[in-house]
């Protein structure tokens, strides 16, 4: 990110690739008004759920669960400032539909620097 954003700057957006459950993604700081996107690139677990624990940065639904796949990522608009949003990823195996949970992962939604 630039140190001195232009006056017409927009909130940043984040893409998180949900890896095979044997790998761990990192936490992030994101900006209000941007988006966060979860994708998967593993062939063994093509379907997944993002399972928030408590509050989420999109709306007032507690424990929100969003489903995605290798063909349809989960995209979430970051409407609400907050810190320490927590979620788990539930990975669904392609063969027997068993699942494996990873996490808890955390991120913060900060004010957009340089936004009007």
C-alpha atoms as a PDB file:
ATOM      1  CA  UNK A   1       0.000   0.000   0.000  1.00  0.00           C
ATOM      2  CA  UNK A   2       1.282   3.483  -0.716  1.00  0.00           C
ATOM      3  CA  UNK A   3       2.247   5.647   2.222  1.00  0.00           C
ATOM      4  CA  UNK A   4       0.432   8.634   0.752  1.00  0.00           C
ATOM      5  CA  UNK A   5      -2.761   7.429  -0.904  1.00  0.00           C
ATOM      6  CA  UNK A   6      -4.252   9.424  -3.728  1.00  0.00           C
ATOM      7  CA  UNK A   7      -7.470  11.379  -2.937  1.00  0.00           C
ATOM      8  CA  UNK A   8      -9.513   9.007  -5.118  1.00  0.00           C
ATOM      9  CA  UNK A   9      -8.213   5.857  -3.407  1.00  0.00           C
ATOM     10  CA  UNK A  10     -10.599   2.953  -2.860  1.00  0.00           C
ATOM     11  CA  UNK A  11     -10.650   0.412  -0.036  1.00  0.00           C
ATOM     12  CA  UNK A  12      -8.336  -2.507  -0.579  1.00  0.00           C
ATOM     13  CA  UNK A  13      -9.733  -5.965  -1.236  1.00  0.00           C
ATOM     14  CA  UNK A  14      -8.247  -9.258  -0.073  1.00  0.00           C
ATOM     15  CA  UNK A  15      -8.277 -12.718  -1.669  1.00  0.00           C
ATOM     16  CA  UNK A  16      -7.558 -15.699   0.581  1.00  0.00           C
ATOM     17  CA  UNK A  17      -6.902 -19.019  -1.100  1.00  0.00           C
ATOM     18  CA  UNK A  18      -8.174 -21.781   1.167  1.00  0.00           C
ATOM     19  CA  UNK A  19      -5.422 -24.386   0.950  1.00  0.00           C
ATOM     20  CA  UNK A  20      -5.471 -28.060   1.657  1.00  0.00           C
ATOM     21  CA  UNK A  21      -6.294 -28.405   5.372  1.00  0.00           C
ATOM     22  CA  UNK A  22      -2.716 -29.471   6.035  1.00  0.00           C
ATOM     23  CA  UNK A  23      -1.613 -25.879   5.303  1.00  0.00           C
ATOM     24  CA  UNK A  24      -2.587 -22.819   7.291  1.00  0.00           C
ATOM     25  CA  UNK A  25      -3.535 -19.380   5.864  1.00  0.00           C
ATOM     26  CA  UNK A  26      -2.444 -16.226   7.662  1.00  0.00           C
ATOM     27  CA  UNK A  27      -4.402 -13.536   9.472  1.00  0.00           C
ATOM     28  CA  UNK A  28      -5.060 -10.231   7.745  1.00  0.00           C
ATOM     29  CA  UNK A  29      -5.862  -6.605   8.260  1.00  0.00           C
ATOM     30  CA  UNK A  30      -8.403  -5.357   5.735  1.00  0.00           C
ATOM     31  CA  UNK A  31     -10.231  -2.086   5.096  1.00  0.00           C
ATOM     32  CA  UNK A  32     -13.885  -1.180   5.564  1.00  0.00           C
ATOM     33  CA  UNK A  33     -15.695  -0.956   2.228  1.00  0.00           C
ATOM     34  CA  UNK A  34     -13.395  -3.483   0.568  1.00  0.00           C
ATOM     35  CA  UNK A  35     -14.046  -7.156   0.029  1.00  0.00           C
ATOM     36  CA  UNK A  36     -12.538 -10.367   1.269  1.00  0.00           C
ATOM     37  CA  UNK A  37     -12.599 -13.461  -0.918  1.00  0.00           C
ATOM     38  CA  UNK A  38     -11.956 -17.082  -0.004  1.00  0.00           C
ATOM     39  CA  UNK A  39     -11.032 -19.585  -2.737  1.00  0.00           C
ATOM     40  CA  UNK A  40      -9.837 -23.163  -2.692  1.00  0.00           C
ATOM     41  CA  UNK A  41      -7.196 -24.687  -4.905  1.00  0.00           C
ATOM     42  CA  UNK A  42      -7.140 -28.217  -3.513  1.00  0.00           C
ATOM     43  CA  UNK A  43      -8.604 -31.065  -5.549  1.00  0.00           C
ATOM     44  CA  UNK A  44      -9.302 -33.246  -2.514  1.00  0.00           C
ATOM     45  CA  UNK A  45     -11.518 -30.675  -0.784  1.00  0.00           C
ATOM     46  CA  UNK A  46     -13.390 -28.787  -3.545  1.00  0.00           C
ATOM     47  CA  UNK A  47     -16.215 -27.544  -1.260  1.00  0.00           C
ATOM     48  CA  UNK A  48     -15.806 -25.505   1.886  1.00  0.00           C
ATOM     49  CA  UNK A  49     -17.644 -23.370   4.431  1.00  0.00           C
ATOM     50  CA  UNK A  50     -16.481 -20.184   6.119  1.00  0.00           C
ATOM     51  CA  UNK A  51     -17.932 -20.435   9.646  1.00  0.00           C
ATOM     52  CA  UNK A  52     -17.754 -17.208  11.647  1.00  0.00           C
ATOM     53  CA  UNK A  53     -17.616 -17.465  15.406  1.00  0.00           C
ATOM     54  CA  UNK A  54     -19.829 -14.728  16.783  1.00  0.00           C
ATOM     55  CA  UNK A  55     -19.843 -11.436  14.876  1.00  0.00           C
ATOM     56  CA  UNK A  56     -19.000 -11.035  11.187  1.00  0.00           C
ATOM     57  CA  UNK A  57     -18.039  -7.892   9.211  1.00  0.00           C
ATOM     58  CA  UNK A  58     -20.936  -8.174   6.738  1.00  0.00           C
ATOM     59  CA  UNK A  59     -24.153  -7.985   8.771  1.00  0.00           C
ATOM     60  CA  UNK A  60     -25.561  -8.644  12.243  1.00  0.00           C
ATOM     61  CA  UNK A  61     -26.035 -12.414  11.796  1.00  0.00           C
ATOM     62  CA  UNK A  62     -24.168 -14.226  14.595  1.00  0.00           C
ATOM     63  CA  UNK A  63     -22.248 -17.376  13.639  1.00  0.00           C
ATOM     64  CA  UNK A  64     -22.723 -16.732   9.898  1.00  0.00           C
ATOM     65  CA  UNK A  65     -21.904 -19.713   7.634  1.00  0.00           C
ATOM     66  CA  UNK A  66     -21.020 -19.097   3.970  1.00  0.00           C
ATOM     67  CA  UNK A  67     -20.458 -21.884   1.436  1.00  0.00           C
ATOM     68  CA  UNK A  68     -17.979 -21.918  -1.413  1.00  0.00           C
ATOM     69  CA  UNK A  69     -16.303 -24.280  -3.838  1.00  0.00           C
ATOM     70  CA  UNK A  70     -13.463 -24.521  -6.328  1.00  0.00           C
ATOM     71  CA  UNK A  71     -15.904 -23.039  -8.870  1.00  0.00           C
ATOM     72  CA  UNK A  72     -17.622 -20.480  -6.617  1.00  0.00           C
ATOM     73  CA  UNK A  73     -15.507 -18.487  -4.146  1.00  0.00           C
ATOM     74  CA  UNK A  74     -16.976 -16.827  -1.060  1.00  0.00           C
ATOM     75  CA  UNK A  75     -16.917 -13.032  -1.464  1.00  0.00           C
ATOM     76  CA  UNK A  76     -17.859 -10.836   1.485  1.00  0.00           C
ATOM     77  CA  UNK A  77     -18.254  -7.040   1.540  1.00  0.00           C
ATOM     78  CA  UNK A  78     -16.549  -5.573   4.613  1.00  0.00           C
ATOM     79  CA  UNK A  79     -19.227  -3.243   5.946  1.00  0.00           C
ATOM     80  CA  UNK A  80     -18.411  -3.118   9.647  1.00  0.00           C
ATOM     81  CA  UNK A  81     -15.280  -1.913  11.407  1.00  0.00           C
ATOM     82  CA  UNK A  82     -14.032  -4.315  13.998  1.00  0.00           C
ATOM     83  CA  UNK A  83     -11.187  -6.302  15.294  1.00  0.00           C
ATOM     84  CA  UNK A  84     -10.575  -9.942  15.860  1.00  0.00           C
ATOM     85  CA  UNK A  85     -13.288 -11.388  13.630  1.00  0.00           C
ATOM     86  CA  UNK A  86     -12.854 -15.139  14.030  1.00  0.00           C
ATOM     87  CA  UNK A  87     -13.749 -17.915  11.594  1.00  0.00           C
ATOM     88  CA  UNK A  88     -13.062 -21.565  10.889  1.00  0.00           C
ATOM     89  CA  UNK A  89     -12.932 -23.284   7.520  1.00  0.00           C
ATOM     90  CA  UNK A  90     -14.826 -26.549   7.101  1.00  0.00           C
ATOM     91  CA  UNK A  91     -13.349 -28.517   4.184  1.00  0.00           C
ATOM     92  CA  UNK A  92     -15.572 -31.175   2.557  1.00  0.00           C
ATOM     93  CA  UNK A  93     -13.734 -34.140   1.017  1.00  0.00           C
ATOM     94  CA  UNK A  94     -14.751 -34.906  -2.567  1.00  0.00           C
ATOM     95  CA  UNK A  95     -14.980 -38.688  -2.191  1.00  0.00           C
ATOM     96  CA  UNK A  96     -16.960 -39.364   0.960  1.00  0.00           C
ATOM     97  CA  UNK A  97     -18.204 -35.854   1.893  1.00  0.00           C
ATOM     98  CA  UNK A  98     -16.497 -36.179   5.272  1.00  0.00           C
ATOM     99  CA  UNK A  99     -15.244 -32.871   6.571  1.00  0.00           C
ATOM    100  CA  UNK A 100     -12.224 -31.459   8.301  1.00  0.00           C
ATOM    101  CA  UNK A 101     -12.168 -28.179  10.237  1.00  0.00           C
ATOM    102  CA  UNK A 102      -9.194 -25.799  10.327  1.00  0.00           C
ATOM    103  CA  UNK A 103      -8.772 -22.590  12.259  1.00  0.00           C
ATOM    104  CA  UNK A 104      -9.584 -20.470  14.181  1.00  0.00           C
ATOM    105  CA  UNK A 105      -8.344 -17.684  11.861  1.00  0.00           C
ATOM    106  CA  UNK A 106      -8.693 -13.999  12.683  1.00  0.00           C
ATOM    107  CA  UNK A 107      -8.694 -10.681  10.879  1.00  0.00           C
ATOM    108  CA  UNK A 108      -9.365  -7.001  11.565  1.00  0.00           C
ATOM    109  CA  UNK A 109     -11.395  -4.485   9.545  1.00  0.00           C
ATOM    110  CA  UNK A 110      -9.781  -1.050   9.748  1.00  0.00           C
ATOM    111  CA  UNK A 111     -10.899   2.343   8.396  1.00  0.00           C
ATOM    112  CA  UNK A 112      -9.955   2.919   4.770  1.00  0.00           C
ATOM    113  CA  UNK A 113      -6.867   5.089   4.578  1.00  0.00           C
ATOM    114  CA  UNK A 114      -7.205   7.705   1.871  1.00  0.00           C
ATOM    115  CA  UNK A 115     -10.880   7.084   1.116  1.00  0.00           C
ATOM    116  CA  UNK A 116     -13.133  10.107   0.781  1.00  0.00           C
END
